[in-house]
Amino acid sequence: MFIDTCTWLKLEFLERKNLFKTAILFSFASIAITHEIKREIDHYSISNVDFKQIFINPITDQKSHRHALEAGFDDADASLLSNGRIAVDELYLISEDRPFITFSQMYNLQINYKTF
């Protein structure tokens, strides 16, 4: 399961209000981010991310990464898109960014989409 930066920010807000526990995610899913997402998490000082339990993936498909950048998405979103063809049983992208999800669907990535 890939989680974008804004979703991490929302999860942190919910956790601070005692409405959600991020640890629950780690109990049922493998969580992944990219190096670019990690940079943003560090920049925004998001504290509810347990890096010991997260897979940090590099950009895996330079072509899709470049296309996302050319379409106007930031480096973090583009890095998520570059991981859209990972060979796993189920790959989820958790994001509130509907234009990015639409772009990903047009790219025919093998991702199950969840929006908030």
PDB file of N, CA and C in Angstrom:
ATOM      1  N   MET A   1       0.841  -1.161   0.000  1.00  0.00           N
ATOM      2  CA  MET A   1       0.000   0.000   0.000  1.00  0.00           C
ATOM      3  C   MET A   1       0.893   1.233   0.000  1.00  0.00           C
ATOM      4  N   PHE A   2       0.718   2.077  -1.028  1.00  0.00           N
ATOM      5  CA  PHE A   2       1.434   3.346  -1.087  1.00  0.00           C
ATOM      6  C   PHE A   2       0.541   4.440  -0.502  1.00  0.00           C
ATOM      7  N   ILE A   3       1.115   5.296   0.315  1.00  0.00           N
ATOM      8  CA  ILE A   3       0.377   6.400   0.918  1.00  0.00           C
ATOM      9  C   ILE A   3       1.101   7.693   0.563  1.00  0.00           C
ATOM     10  N   ASP A   4       0.350   8.646   0.013  1.00  0.00           N
ATOM     11  CA  ASP A   4       0.983   9.903  -0.377  1.00  0.00           C
ATOM     12  C   ASP A   4       1.139  10.851   0.814  1.00  0.00           C
ATOM     13  N   THR A   5       1.870  11.917   0.612  1.00  0.00           N
ATOM     14  CA  THR A   5       2.221  12.839   1.696  1.00  0.00           C
ATOM     15  C   THR A   5       0.992  13.479   2.343  1.00  0.00           C
ATOM     16  N   CYS A   6       0.063  13.968   1.537  1.00  0.00           N
ATOM     17  CA  CYS A   6      -1.111  14.630   2.113  1.00  0.00           C
ATOM     18  C   CYS A   6      -1.937  13.669   2.962  1.00  0.00           C
ATOM     19  N   THR A   7      -2.003  12.432   2.563  1.00  0.00           N
ATOM     20  CA  THR A   7      -2.725  11.444   3.369  1.00  0.00           C
ATOM     21  C   THR A   7      -2.016  11.223   4.691  1.00  0.00           C
ATOM     22  N   TRP A   8      -0.684  11.186   4.685  1.00  0.00           N
ATOM     23  CA  TRP A   8       0.060  11.071   5.950  1.00  0.00           C
ATOM     24  C   TRP A   8      -0.258  12.261   6.857  1.00  0.00           C
ATOM     25  N   LEU A   9      -0.346  13.454   6.262  1.00  0.00           N
ATOM     26  CA  LEU A   9      -0.696  14.640   7.052  1.00  0.00           C
ATOM     27  C   LEU A   9      -2.092  14.501   7.669  1.00  0.00           C
ATOM     28  N   LYS A  10      -3.035  14.005   6.897  1.00  0.00           N
ATOM     29  CA  LYS A  10      -4.397  13.815   7.403  1.00  0.00           C
ATOM     30  C   LYS A  10      -4.431  12.753   8.499  1.00  0.00           C
ATOM     31  N   LEU A  11      -3.688  11.677   8.303  1.00  0.00           N
ATOM     32  CA  LEU A  11      -3.643  10.629   9.325  1.00  0.00           C
ATOM     33  C   LEU A  11      -3.047  11.155  10.623  1.00  0.00           C
ATOM     34  N   GLU A  12      -2.012  11.997  10.494  1.00  0.00           N
ATOM     35  CA  GLU A  12      -1.413  12.584  11.689  1.00  0.00           C
ATOM     36  C   GLU A  12      -2.424  13.478  12.420  1.00  0.00           C
ATOM     37  N   PHE A  13      -3.187  14.266  11.662  1.00  0.00           N
ATOM     38  CA  PHE A  13      -4.208  15.114  12.268  1.00  0.00           C
ATOM     39  C   PHE A  13      -5.237  14.269  13.010  1.00  0.00           C
ATOM     40  N   LEU A  14      -5.709  13.207  12.376  1.00  0.00           N
ATOM     41  CA  LEU A  14      -6.691  12.329  13.022  1.00  0.00           C
ATOM     42  C   LEU A  14      -6.125  11.676  14.270  1.00  0.00           C
ATOM     43  N   GLU A  15      -4.853  11.305  14.200  1.00  0.00           N
ATOM     44  CA  GLU A  15      -4.223  10.689  15.366  1.00  0.00           C
ATOM     45  C   GLU A  15      -4.110  11.679  16.525  1.00  0.00           C
ATOM     46  N   ARG A  16      -3.765  12.906  16.218  1.00  0.00           N
ATOM     47  CA  ARG A  16      -3.673  13.932  17.272  1.00  0.00           C
ATOM     48  C   ARG A  16      -5.020  14.192  17.940  1.00  0.00           C
ATOM     49  N   LYS A  17      -6.112  13.998  17.197  1.00  0.00           N
ATOM     50  CA  LYS A  17      -7.460  14.182  17.738  1.00  0.00           C
ATOM     51  C   LYS A  17      -8.011  12.893  18.360  1.00  0.00           C
ATOM     52  N   ASN A  18      -7.146  11.853  18.423  1.00  0.00           N
ATOM     53  CA  ASN A  18      -7.547  10.536  18.947  1.00  0.00           C
ATOM     54  C   ASN A  18      -8.710   9.918  18.178  1.00  0.00           C
ATOM     55  N   LEU A  19      -8.721  10.136  16.864  1.00  0.00           N
ATOM     56  CA  LEU A  19      -9.757   9.573  16.016  1.00  0.00           C
ATOM     57  C   LEU A  19      -9.268   8.398  15.174  1.00  0.00           C
ATOM     58  N   PHE A  20      -7.955   8.194  15.170  1.00  0.00           N
ATOM     59  CA  PHE A  20      -7.368   7.125  14.357  1.00  0.00           C
ATOM     60  C   PHE A  20      -5.998   6.795  14.920  1.00  0.00           C
ATOM     61  N   LYS A  21      -5.606   5.544  14.787  1.00  0.00           N
ATOM     62  CA  LYS A  21      -4.264   5.112  15.175  1.00  0.00           C
ATOM     63  C   LYS A  21      -3.551   4.583  13.926  1.00  0.00           C
ATOM     64  N   THR A  22      -2.522   5.276  13.538  1.00  0.00           N
ATOM     65  CA  THR A  22      -1.771   4.874  12.349  1.00  0.00           C
ATOM     66  C   THR A  22      -1.211   3.461  12.479  1.00  0.00           C
ATOM     67  N   ALA A  23      -0.907   3.041  13.678  1.00  0.00           N
ATOM     68  CA  ALA A  23      -0.363   1.698  13.901  1.00  0.00           C
ATOM     69  C   ALA A  23      -1.282   0.611  13.362  1.00  0.00           C
ATOM     70  N   ILE A  24      -2.566   0.898  13.270  1.00  0.00           N
ATOM     71  CA  ILE A  24      -3.518  -0.078  12.737  1.00  0.00           C
ATOM     72  C   ILE A  24      -3.148  -0.468  11.313  1.00  0.00           C
ATOM     73  N   LEU A  25      -2.700   0.501  10.525  1.00  0.00           N
ATOM     74  CA  LEU A  25      -2.327   0.221   9.137  1.00  0.00           C
ATOM     75  C   LEU A  25      -1.264  -0.863   9.042  1.00  0.00           C
ATOM     76  N   PHE A  26      -0.295  -0.789   9.934  1.00  0.00           N
ATOM     77  CA  PHE A  26       0.826  -1.735   9.887  1.00  0.00           C
ATOM     78  C   PHE A  26       0.409  -3.138  10.312  1.00  0.00           C
ATOM     79  N   SER A  27      -0.739  -3.258  10.962  1.00  0.00           N
ATOM     80  CA  SER A  27      -1.192  -4.569  11.419  1.00  0.00           C
ATOM     81  C   SER A  27      -1.794  -5.411  10.302  1.00  0.00           C
ATOM     82  N   PHE A  28      -2.212  -4.773   9.194  1.00  0.00           N
ATOM     83  CA  PHE A  28      -2.842  -5.550   8.131  1.00  0.00           C
ATOM     84  C   PHE A  28      -2.280  -5.301   6.733  1.00  0.00           C
ATOM     85  N   ALA A  29      -1.324  -4.390   6.601  1.00  0.00           N
ATOM     86  CA  ALA A  29      -0.818  -4.076   5.260  1.00  0.00           C
ATOM     87  C   ALA A  29       0.673  -3.769   5.303  1.00  0.00           C
ATOM     88  N   SER A  30       1.310  -4.048   4.190  1.00  0.00           N
ATOM     89  CA  SER A  30       2.684  -3.593   3.987  1.00  0.00           C
ATOM     90  C   SER A  30       2.596  -2.187   3.420  1.00  0.00           C
ATOM     91  N   ILE A  31       3.230  -1.240   4.105  1.00  0.00           N
ATOM     92  CA  ILE A  31       3.159   0.157   3.722  1.00  0.00           C
ATOM     93  C   ILE A  31       4.445   0.540   2.999  1.00  0.00           C
ATOM     94  N   ALA A  32       4.283   1.283   1.899  1.00  0.00           N
ATOM     95  CA  ALA A  32       5.446   1.720   1.127  1.00  0.00           C
ATOM     96  C   ALA A  32       5.321   3.200   0.806  1.00  0.00           C
ATOM     97  N   ILE A  33       6.466   3.824   0.706  1.00  0.00           N
ATOM     98  CA  ILE A  33       6.576   5.197   0.221  1.00  0.00           C
ATOM     99  C   ILE A  33       7.773   5.223  -0.716  1.00  0.00           C
ATOM    100  N   THR A  34       8.083   6.364  -1.235  1.00  0.00           N
ATOM    101  CA  THR A  34       9.280   6.516  -2.059  1.00  0.00           C
ATOM    102  C   THR A  34      10.235   7.460  -1.329  1.00  0.00           C
ATOM    103  N   HIS A  35      11.441   7.543  -1.828  1.00  0.00           N
ATOM    104  CA  HIS A  35      12.418   8.464  -1.231  1.00  0.00           C
ATOM    105  C   HIS A  35      11.908   9.905  -1.299  1.00  0.00           C
ATOM    106  N   GLU A  36      11.193  10.222  -2.371  1.00  0.00           N
ATOM    107  CA  GLU A  36      10.667  11.573  -2.535  1.00  0.00           C
ATOM    108  C   GLU A  36       9.559  11.851  -1.508  1.00  0.00           C
ATOM    109  N   ILE A  37       8.732  10.870  -1.242  1.00  0.00           N
ATOM    110  CA  ILE A  37       7.697  11.017  -0.204  1.00  0.00           C
ATOM    111  C   ILE A  37       8.366  11.171   1.158  1.00  0.00           C
ATOM    112  N   LYS A  38       9.415  10.402   1.414  1.00  0.00           N
ATOM    113  CA  LYS A  38      10.125  10.512   2.698  1.00  0.00           C
ATOM    114  C   LYS A  38      10.670  11.922   2.886  1.00  0.00           C
ATOM    115  N   ARG A  39      11.228  12.508   1.824  1.00  0.00           N
ATOM    116  CA  ARG A  39      11.734  13.884   1.923  1.00  0.00           C
ATOM    117  C   ARG A  39      10.615  14.848   2.334  1.00  0.00           C
ATOM    118  N   GLU A  40       9.431  14.669   1.760  1.00  0.00           N
ATOM    119  CA  GLU A  40       8.309  15.536   2.125  1.00  0.00           C
ATOM    120  C   GLU A  40       7.853  15.282   3.563  1.00  0.00           C
ATOM    121  N   ILE A  41       7.818  14.028   3.969  1.00  0.00           N
ATOM    122  CA  ILE A  41       7.441  13.691   5.351  1.00  0.00           C
ATOM    123  C   ILE A  41       8.410  14.356   6.320  1.00  0.00           C
ATOM    124  N   ASP A  42       9.698  14.292   6.002  1.00  0.00           N
ATOM    125  CA  ASP A  42      10.705  14.948   6.841  1.00  0.00           C
ATOM    126  C   ASP A  42      10.513  16.470   6.830  1.00  0.00           C
ATOM    127  N   HIS A  43      10.258  17.018   5.654  1.00  0.00           N
ATOM    128  CA  HIS A  43      10.085  18.465   5.518  1.00  0.00           C
ATOM    129  C   HIS A  43       8.910  18.977   6.356  1.00  0.00           C
ATOM    130  N   TYR A  44       7.801  18.243   6.325  1.00  0.00           N
ATOM    131  CA  TYR A  44       6.603  18.654   7.065  1.00  0.00           C
ATOM    132  C   TYR A  44       6.597  18.153   8.514  1.00  0.00           C
ATOM    133  N   SER A  45       7.661  17.470   8.911  1.00  0.00           N
ATOM    134  CA  SER A  45       7.790  16.948  10.281  1.00  0.00           C
ATOM    135  C   SER A  45       6.591  16.097  10.689  1.00  0.00           C
ATOM    136  N   ILE A  46       6.185  15.219   9.794  1.00  0.00           N
ATOM    137  CA  ILE A  46       5.076  14.309  10.091  1.00  0.00           C
ATOM    138  C   ILE A  46       5.618  13.234  11.028  1.00  0.00           C
ATOM    139  N   SER A  47       5.044  13.145  12.188  1.00  0.00           N
ATOM    140  CA  SER A  47       5.644  12.312  13.241  1.00  0.00           C
ATOM    141  C   SER A  47       5.041  10.929  13.382  1.00  0.00           C
ATOM    142  N   ASN A  48       3.933  10.627  12.719  1.00  0.00           N
ATOM    143  CA  ASN A  48       3.283   9.340  12.932  1.00  0.00           C
ATOM    144  C   ASN A  48       3.735   8.245  11.970  1.00  0.00           C
ATOM    145  N   VAL A  49       4.803   8.490  11.245  1.00  0.00           N
ATOM    146  CA  VAL A  49       5.308   7.517  10.275  1.00  0.00           C
ATOM    147  C   VAL A  49       6.413   6.695  10.927  1.00  0.00           C
ATOM    148  N   ASP A  50       6.192   5.394  11.014  1.00  0.00           N
ATOM    149  CA  ASP A  50       7.184   4.492  11.607  1.00  0.00           C
ATOM    150  C   ASP A  50       8.064   3.941  10.483  1.00  0.00           C
ATOM    151  N   PHE A  51       9.187   4.602  10.233  1.00  0.00           N
ATOM    152  CA  PHE A  51      10.046   4.214   9.114  1.00  0.00           C
ATOM    153  C   PHE A  51      10.626   2.814   9.251  1.00  0.00           C
ATOM    154  N   LYS A  52      10.629   2.262  10.455  1.00  0.00           N
ATOM    155  CA  LYS A  52      11.123   0.892  10.642  1.00  0.00           C
ATOM    156  C   LYS A  52      10.169  -0.125  10.029  1.00  0.00           C
ATOM    157  N   GLN A  53       8.922   0.269   9.810  1.00  0.00           N
ATOM    158  CA  GLN A  53       7.924  -0.659   9.282  1.00  0.00           C
ATOM    159  C   GLN A  53       7.519  -0.343   7.844  1.00  0.00           C
ATOM    160  N   ILE A  54       8.206   0.593   7.226  1.00  0.00           N
ATOM    161  CA  ILE A  54       7.840   1.037   5.878  1.00  0.00           C
ATOM    162  C   ILE A  54       8.919   0.651   4.875  1.00  0.00           C
ATOM    163  N   PHE A  55       8.467   0.224   3.718  1.00  0.00           N
ATOM    164  CA  PHE A  55       9.374  -0.006   2.598  1.00  0.00           C
ATOM    165  C   PHE A  55       9.543   1.329   1.871  1.00  0.00           C
ATOM    166  N   ILE A  56      10.786   1.698   1.611  1.00  0.00           N
ATOM    167  CA  ILE A  56      11.050   2.938   0.873  1.00  0.00           C
ATOM    168  C   ILE A  56      11.588   2.542  -0.496  1.00  0.00           C
ATOM    169  N   ASN A  57      10.759   2.788  -1.505  1.00  0.00           N
ATOM    170  CA  ASN A  57      11.087   2.363  -2.863  1.00  0.00           C
ATOM    171  C   ASN A  57      11.717   3.500  -3.658  1.00  0.00           C
ATOM    172  N   PRO A  58      12.631   3.163  -4.543  1.00  0.00           N
ATOM    173  CA  PRO A  58      13.185   4.174  -5.454  1.00  0.00           C
ATOM    174  C   PRO A  58      12.226   4.394  -6.625  1.00  0.00           C
ATOM    175  N   ILE A  59      12.537   5.342  -7.462  1.00  0.00           N
ATOM    176  CA  ILE A  59      11.810   5.503  -8.724  1.00  0.00           C
ATOM    177  C   ILE A  59      12.127   4.272  -9.559  1.00  0.00           C
ATOM    178  N   THR A  60      11.083   3.551  -9.996  1.00  0.00           N
ATOM    179  CA  THR A  60      11.343   2.299 -10.710  1.00  0.00           C
ATOM    180  C   THR A  60      11.115   2.390 -12.213  1.00  0.00           C
ATOM    181  N   ASP A  61      10.295   3.313 -12.645  1.00  0.00           N
ATOM    182  CA  ASP A  61      10.030   3.464 -14.072  1.00  0.00           C
ATOM    183  C   ASP A  61      10.257   4.932 -14.443  1.00  0.00           C
ATOM    184  N   GLN A  62      11.411   5.205 -14.995  1.00  0.00           N
ATOM    185  CA  GLN A  62      11.787   6.589 -15.328  1.00  0.00           C
ATOM    186  C   GLN A  62      10.819   7.228 -16.321  1.00  0.00           C
ATOM    187  N   LYS A  63      10.308   6.445 -17.256  1.00  0.00           N
ATOM    188  CA  LYS A  63       9.416   6.986 -18.283  1.00  0.00           C
ATOM    189  C   LYS A  63       8.115   7.488 -17.654  1.00  0.00           C
ATOM    190  N   SER A  64       7.480   6.679 -16.815  1.00  0.00           N
ATOM    191  CA  SER A  64       6.226   7.117 -16.196  1.00  0.00           C
ATOM    192  C   SER A  64       6.474   8.265 -15.222  1.00  0.00           C
ATOM    193  N   HIS A  65       7.622   8.263 -14.555  1.00  0.00           N
ATOM    194  CA  HIS A  65       7.993   9.357 -13.662  1.00  0.00           C
ATOM    195  C   HIS A  65       8.103  10.663 -14.458  1.00  0.00           C
ATOM    196  N   ARG A  66       8.785  10.617 -15.580  1.00  0.00           N
ATOM    197  CA  ARG A  66       8.953  11.794 -16.421  1.00  0.00           C
ATOM    198  C   ARG A  66       7.605  12.288 -16.958  1.00  0.00           C
ATOM    199  N   HIS A  67       6.746  11.355 -17.395  1.00  0.00           N
ATOM    200  CA  HIS A  67       5.434  11.751 -17.916  1.00  0.00           C
ATOM    201  C   HIS A  67       4.591  12.443 -16.844  1.00  0.00           C
ATOM    202  N   ALA A  68       4.651  11.950 -15.625  1.00  0.00           N
ATOM    203  CA  ALA A  68       3.897  12.581 -14.531  1.00  0.00           C
ATOM    204  C   ALA A  68       4.429  13.990 -14.244  1.00  0.00           C
ATOM    205  N   LEU A  69       5.747  14.146 -14.267  1.00  0.00           N
ATOM    206  CA  LEU A  69       6.332  15.479 -14.068  1.00  0.00           C
ATOM    207  C   LEU A  69       5.903  16.428 -15.183  1.00  0.00           C
ATOM    208  N   GLU A  70       5.936  15.937 -16.420  1.00  0.00           N
ATOM    209  CA  GLU A  70       5.532  16.759 -17.566  1.00  0.00           C
ATOM    210  C   GLU A  70       4.058  17.135 -17.495  1.00  0.00           C
ATOM    211  N   ALA A  71       3.253  16.300 -16.846  1.00  0.00           N
ATOM    212  CA  ALA A  71       1.821  16.578 -16.694  1.00  0.00           C
ATOM    213  C   ALA A  71       1.556  17.549 -15.551  1.00  0.00           C
ATOM    214  N   GLY A  72       2.609  17.934 -14.821  1.00  0.00           N
ATOM    215  CA  GLY A  72       2.466  18.935 -13.784  1.00  0.00           C
ATOM    216  C   GLY A  72       2.404  18.422 -12.359  1.00  0.00           C
ATOM    217  N   PHE A  73       2.607  17.121 -12.173  1.00  0.00           N
ATOM    218  CA  PHE A  73       2.608  16.575 -10.818  1.00  0.00           C
ATOM    219  C   PHE A  73       3.982  16.766 -10.191  1.00  0.00           C
ATOM    220  N   ASP A  74       4.020  16.871  -8.867  1.00  0.00           N
ATOM    221  CA  ASP A  74       5.307  17.079  -8.203  1.00  0.00           C
ATOM    222  C   ASP A  74       6.111  15.779  -8.176  1.00  0.00           C
ATOM    223  N   ASP A  75       7.358  15.901  -7.770  1.00  0.00           N
ATOM    224  CA  ASP A  75       8.281  14.772  -7.791  1.00  0.00           C
ATOM    225  C   ASP A  75       7.798  13.612  -6.909  1.00  0.00           C
ATOM    226  N   ALA A  76       7.185  13.930  -5.783  1.00  0.00           N
ATOM    227  CA  ALA A  76       6.705  12.870  -4.885  1.00  0.00           C
ATOM    228  C   ALA A  76       5.583  12.072  -5.542  1.00  0.00           C
ATOM    229  N   ASP A  77       4.598  12.762  -6.113  1.00  0.00           N
ATOM    230  CA  ASP A  77       3.514  12.053  -6.803  1.00  0.00           C
ATOM    231  C   ASP A  77       4.057  11.261  -7.997  1.00  0.00           C
ATOM    232  N   ALA A  78       4.941  11.875  -8.743  1.00  0.00           N
ATOM    233  CA  ALA A  78       5.525  11.191  -9.906  1.00  0.00           C
ATOM    234  C   ALA A  78       6.279   9.931  -9.483  1.00  0.00           C
ATOM    235  N   SER A  79       6.931   9.989  -8.329  1.00  0.00           N
ATOM    236  CA  SER A  79       7.665   8.800  -7.858  1.00  0.00           C
ATOM    237  C   SER A  79       6.709   7.674  -7.496  1.00  0.00           C
ATOM    238  N   LEU A  80       5.529   8.019  -6.969  1.00  0.00           N
ATOM    239  CA  LEU A  80       4.520   6.983  -6.698  1.00  0.00           C
ATOM    240  C   LEU A  80       4.062   6.334  -7.998  1.00  0.00           C
ATOM    241  N   LEU A  81       3.810   7.171  -8.995  1.00  0.00           N
ATOM    242  CA  LEU A  81       3.382   6.656 -10.293  1.00  0.00           C
ATOM    243  C   LEU A  81       4.423   5.711 -10.881  1.00  0.00           C
ATOM    244  N   SER A  82       5.683   6.004 -10.665  1.00  0.00           N
ATOM    245  CA  SER A  82       6.747   5.170 -11.233  1.00  0.00           C
ATOM    246  C   SER A  82       6.766   3.768 -10.628  1.00  0.00           C
ATOM    247  N   ASN A  83       6.056   3.561  -9.528  1.00  0.00           N
ATOM    248  CA  ASN A  83       6.005   2.253  -8.874  1.00  0.00           C
ATOM    249  C   ASN A  83       4.708   1.499  -9.167  1.00  0.00           C
ATOM    250  N   GLY A  84       3.961   1.939 -10.150  1.00  0.00           N
ATOM    251  CA  GLY A  84       2.644   1.376 -10.427  1.00  0.00           C
ATOM    252  C   GLY A  84       2.595   0.022 -11.080  1.00  0.00           C
ATOM    253  N   ARG A  85       3.726  -0.562 -11.369  1.00  0.00           N
ATOM    254  CA  ARG A  85       3.720  -1.874 -12.015  1.00  0.00           C
ATOM    255  C   ARG A  85       4.473  -2.922 -11.185  1.00  0.00           C
ATOM    256  N   ILE A  86       4.521  -2.689  -9.880  1.00  0.00           N
ATOM    257  CA  ILE A  86       5.186  -3.637  -8.994  1.00  0.00           C
ATOM    258  C   ILE A  86       4.400  -4.950  -8.984  1.00  0.00           C
ATOM    259  N   ALA A  87       5.085  -6.061  -9.063  1.00  0.00           N
ATOM    260  CA  ALA A  87       4.435  -7.375  -9.106  1.00  0.00           C
ATOM    261  C   ALA A  87       4.082  -7.845  -7.697  1.00  0.00           C
ATOM    262  N   VAL A  88       2.896  -7.481  -7.253  1.00  0.00           N
ATOM    263  CA  VAL A  88       2.351  -7.951  -5.981  1.00  0.00           C
ATOM    264  C   VAL A  88       0.904  -8.342  -6.229  1.00  0.00           C
ATOM    265  N   ASP A  89       0.325  -9.097  -5.297  1.00  0.00           N
ATOM    266  CA  ASP A  89      -1.058  -9.529  -5.468  1.00  0.00           C
ATOM    267  C   ASP A  89      -2.011  -8.338  -5.566  1.00  0.00           C
ATOM    268  N   GLU A  90      -1.878  -7.402  -4.640  1.00  0.00           N
ATOM    269  CA  GLU A  90      -2.724  -6.218  -4.651  1.00  0.00           C
ATOM    270  C   GLU A  90      -1.881  -5.011  -4.291  1.00  0.00           C
ATOM    271  N   LEU A  91      -2.016  -3.968  -5.083  1.00  0.00           N
ATOM    272  CA  LEU A  91      -1.289  -2.729  -4.829  1.00  0.00           C
ATOM    273  C   LEU A  91      -2.301  -1.603  -4.704  1.00  0.00           C
ATOM    274  N   TYR A  92      -2.287  -0.928  -3.567  1.00  0.00           N
ATOM    275  CA  TYR A  92      -3.206   0.167  -3.307  1.00  0.00           C
ATOM    276  C   TYR A  92      -2.446   1.485  -3.242  1.00  0.00           C
ATOM    277  N   LEU A  93      -3.093   2.509  -3.724  1.00  0.00           N
ATOM    278  CA  LEU A  93      -2.579   3.868  -3.600  1.00  0.00           C
ATOM    279  C   LEU A  93      -3.615   4.657  -2.814  1.00  0.00           C
ATOM    280  N   ILE A  94      -3.216   5.156  -1.655  1.00  0.00           N
ATOM    281  CA  ILE A  94      -4.108   5.949  -0.823  1.00  0.00           C
ATOM    282  C   ILE A  94      -3.750   7.423  -1.063  1.00  0.00           C
ATOM    283  N   SER A  95      -4.705   8.163  -1.625  1.00  0.00           N
ATOM    284  CA  SER A  95      -4.458   9.551  -1.986  1.00  0.00           C
ATOM    285  C   SER A  95      -5.771  10.317  -2.034  1.00  0.00           C
ATOM    286  N   GLU A  96      -5.712  11.599  -1.749  1.00  0.00           N
ATOM    287  CA  GLU A  96      -6.861  12.476  -1.889  1.00  0.00           C
ATOM    288  C   GLU A  96      -6.804  13.247  -3.207  1.00  0.00           C
ATOM    289  N   ASP A  97      -5.746  13.044  -3.960  1.00  0.00           N
ATOM    290  CA  ASP A  97      -5.477  13.806  -5.175  1.00  0.00           C
ATOM    291  C   ASP A  97      -6.174  13.154  -6.376  1.00  0.00           C
ATOM    292  N   ARG A  98      -7.426  13.542  -6.593  1.00  0.00           N
ATOM    293  CA  ARG A  98      -8.209  12.915  -7.661  1.00  0.00           C
ATOM    294  C   ARG A  98      -7.592  13.109  -9.057  1.00  0.00           C
ATOM    295  N   PRO A  99      -7.062  14.276  -9.410  1.00  0.00           N
ATOM    296  CA  PRO A  99      -6.418  14.392 -10.726  1.00  0.00           C
ATOM    297  C   PRO A  99      -5.244  13.418 -10.885  1.00  0.00           C
ATOM    298  N   PHE A 100      -4.485  13.233  -9.815  1.00  0.00           N
ATOM    299  CA  PHE A 100      -3.371  12.285  -9.886  1.00  0.00           C
ATOM    300  C   PHE A 100      -3.880  10.863 -10.073  1.00  0.00           C
ATOM    301  N   ILE A 101      -4.932  10.513  -9.358  1.00  0.00           N
ATOM    302  CA  ILE A 101      -5.494   9.163  -9.498  1.00  0.00           C
ATOM    303  C   ILE A 101      -6.052   8.963 -10.907  1.00  0.00           C
ATOM    304  N   THR A 102      -6.724   9.970 -11.433  1.00  0.00           N
ATOM    305  CA  THR A 102      -7.240   9.887 -12.800  1.00  0.00           C
ATOM    306  C   THR A 102      -6.094   9.698 -13.787  1.00  0.00           C
ATOM    307  N   PHE A 103      -5.016  10.457 -13.611  1.00  0.00           N
ATOM    308  CA  PHE A 103      -3.836  10.318 -14.470  1.00  0.00           C
ATOM    309  C   PHE A 103      -3.279   8.895 -14.366  1.00  0.00           C
ATOM    310  N   SER A 104      -3.208   8.369 -13.165  1.00  0.00           N
ATOM    311  CA  SER A 104      -2.697   7.011 -12.957  1.00  0.00           C
ATOM    312  C   SER A 104      -3.572   5.986 -13.658  1.00  0.00           C
ATOM    313  N   GLN A 105      -4.884   6.172 -13.593  1.00  0.00           N
ATOM    314  CA  GLN A 105      -5.798   5.243 -14.259  1.00  0.00           C
ATOM    315  C   GLN A 105      -5.638   5.314 -15.770  1.00  0.00           C
ATOM    316  N   MET A 106      -5.439   6.517 -16.311  1.00  0.00           N
ATOM    317  CA  MET A 106      -5.223   6.655 -17.746  1.00  0.00           C
ATOM    318  C   MET A 106      -3.933   5.958 -18.161  1.00  0.00           C
ATOM    319  N   TYR A 107      -3.007   5.871 -17.241  1.00  0.00           N
ATOM    320  CA  TYR A 107      -1.723   5.234 -17.513  1.00  0.00           C
ATOM    321  C   TYR A 107      -1.828   3.711 -17.436  1.00  0.00           C
ATOM    322  N   ASN A 108      -3.019   3.206 -17.103  1.00  0.00           N
ATOM    323  CA  ASN A 108      -3.293   1.769 -16.991  1.00  0.00           C
ATOM    324  C   ASN A 108      -2.388   1.072 -15.986  1.00  0.00           C
ATOM    325  N   LEU A 109      -2.202   1.707 -14.841  1.00  0.00           N
ATOM    326  CA  LEU A 109      -1.384   1.075 -13.809  1.00  0.00           C
ATOM    327  C   LEU A 109      -2.200   0.035 -13.067  1.00  0.00           C
ATOM    328  N   GLN A 110      -1.500  -0.938 -12.529  1.00  0.00           N
ATOM    329  CA  GLN A 110      -2.146  -2.028 -11.829  1.00  0.00           C
ATOM    330  C   GLN A 110      -2.262  -1.672 -10.346  1.00  0.00           C
ATOM    331  N   ILE A 111      -3.061  -0.651 -10.079  1.00  0.00           N
ATOM    332  CA  ILE A 111      -3.220  -0.133  -8.723  1.00  0.00           C
ATOM    333  C   ILE A 111      -4.707  -0.101  -8.396  1.00  0.00           C
ATOM    334  N   ASN A 112      -5.037  -0.473  -7.176  1.00  0.00           N
ATOM    335  CA  ASN A 112      -6.389  -0.288  -6.667  1.00  0.00           C
ATOM    336  C   ASN A 112      -6.411   1.073  -5.990  1.00  0.00           C
ATOM    337  N   TYR A 113      -7.384   1.901  -6.317  1.00  0.00           N
ATOM    338  CA  TYR A 113      -7.398   3.271  -5.860  1.00  0.00           C
ATOM    339  C   TYR A 113      -8.371   3.474  -4.714  1.00  0.00           C
ATOM    340  N   LYS A 114      -7.938   4.196  -3.723  1.00  0.00           N
ATOM    341  CA  LYS A 114      -8.803   4.595  -2.607  1.00  0.00           C
ATOM    342  C   LYS A 114      -8.618   6.100  -2.428  1.00  0.00           C
ATOM    343  N   THR A 115      -9.707   6.822  -2.431  1.00  0.00           N
ATOM    344  CA  THR A 115      -9.622   8.261  -2.221  1.00  0.00           C
ATOM    345  C   THR A 115     -10.383   8.634  -0.969  1.00  0.00           C
ATOM    346  N   PHE A 116      -9.977   9.752  -0.405  1.00  0.00           N
ATOM    347  CA  PHE A 116     -10.632  10.272   0.791  1.00  0.00           C
ATOM    348  C   PHE A 116     -11.122  11.672   0.521  1.00  0.00           C
TER     349      PHE A 116
END
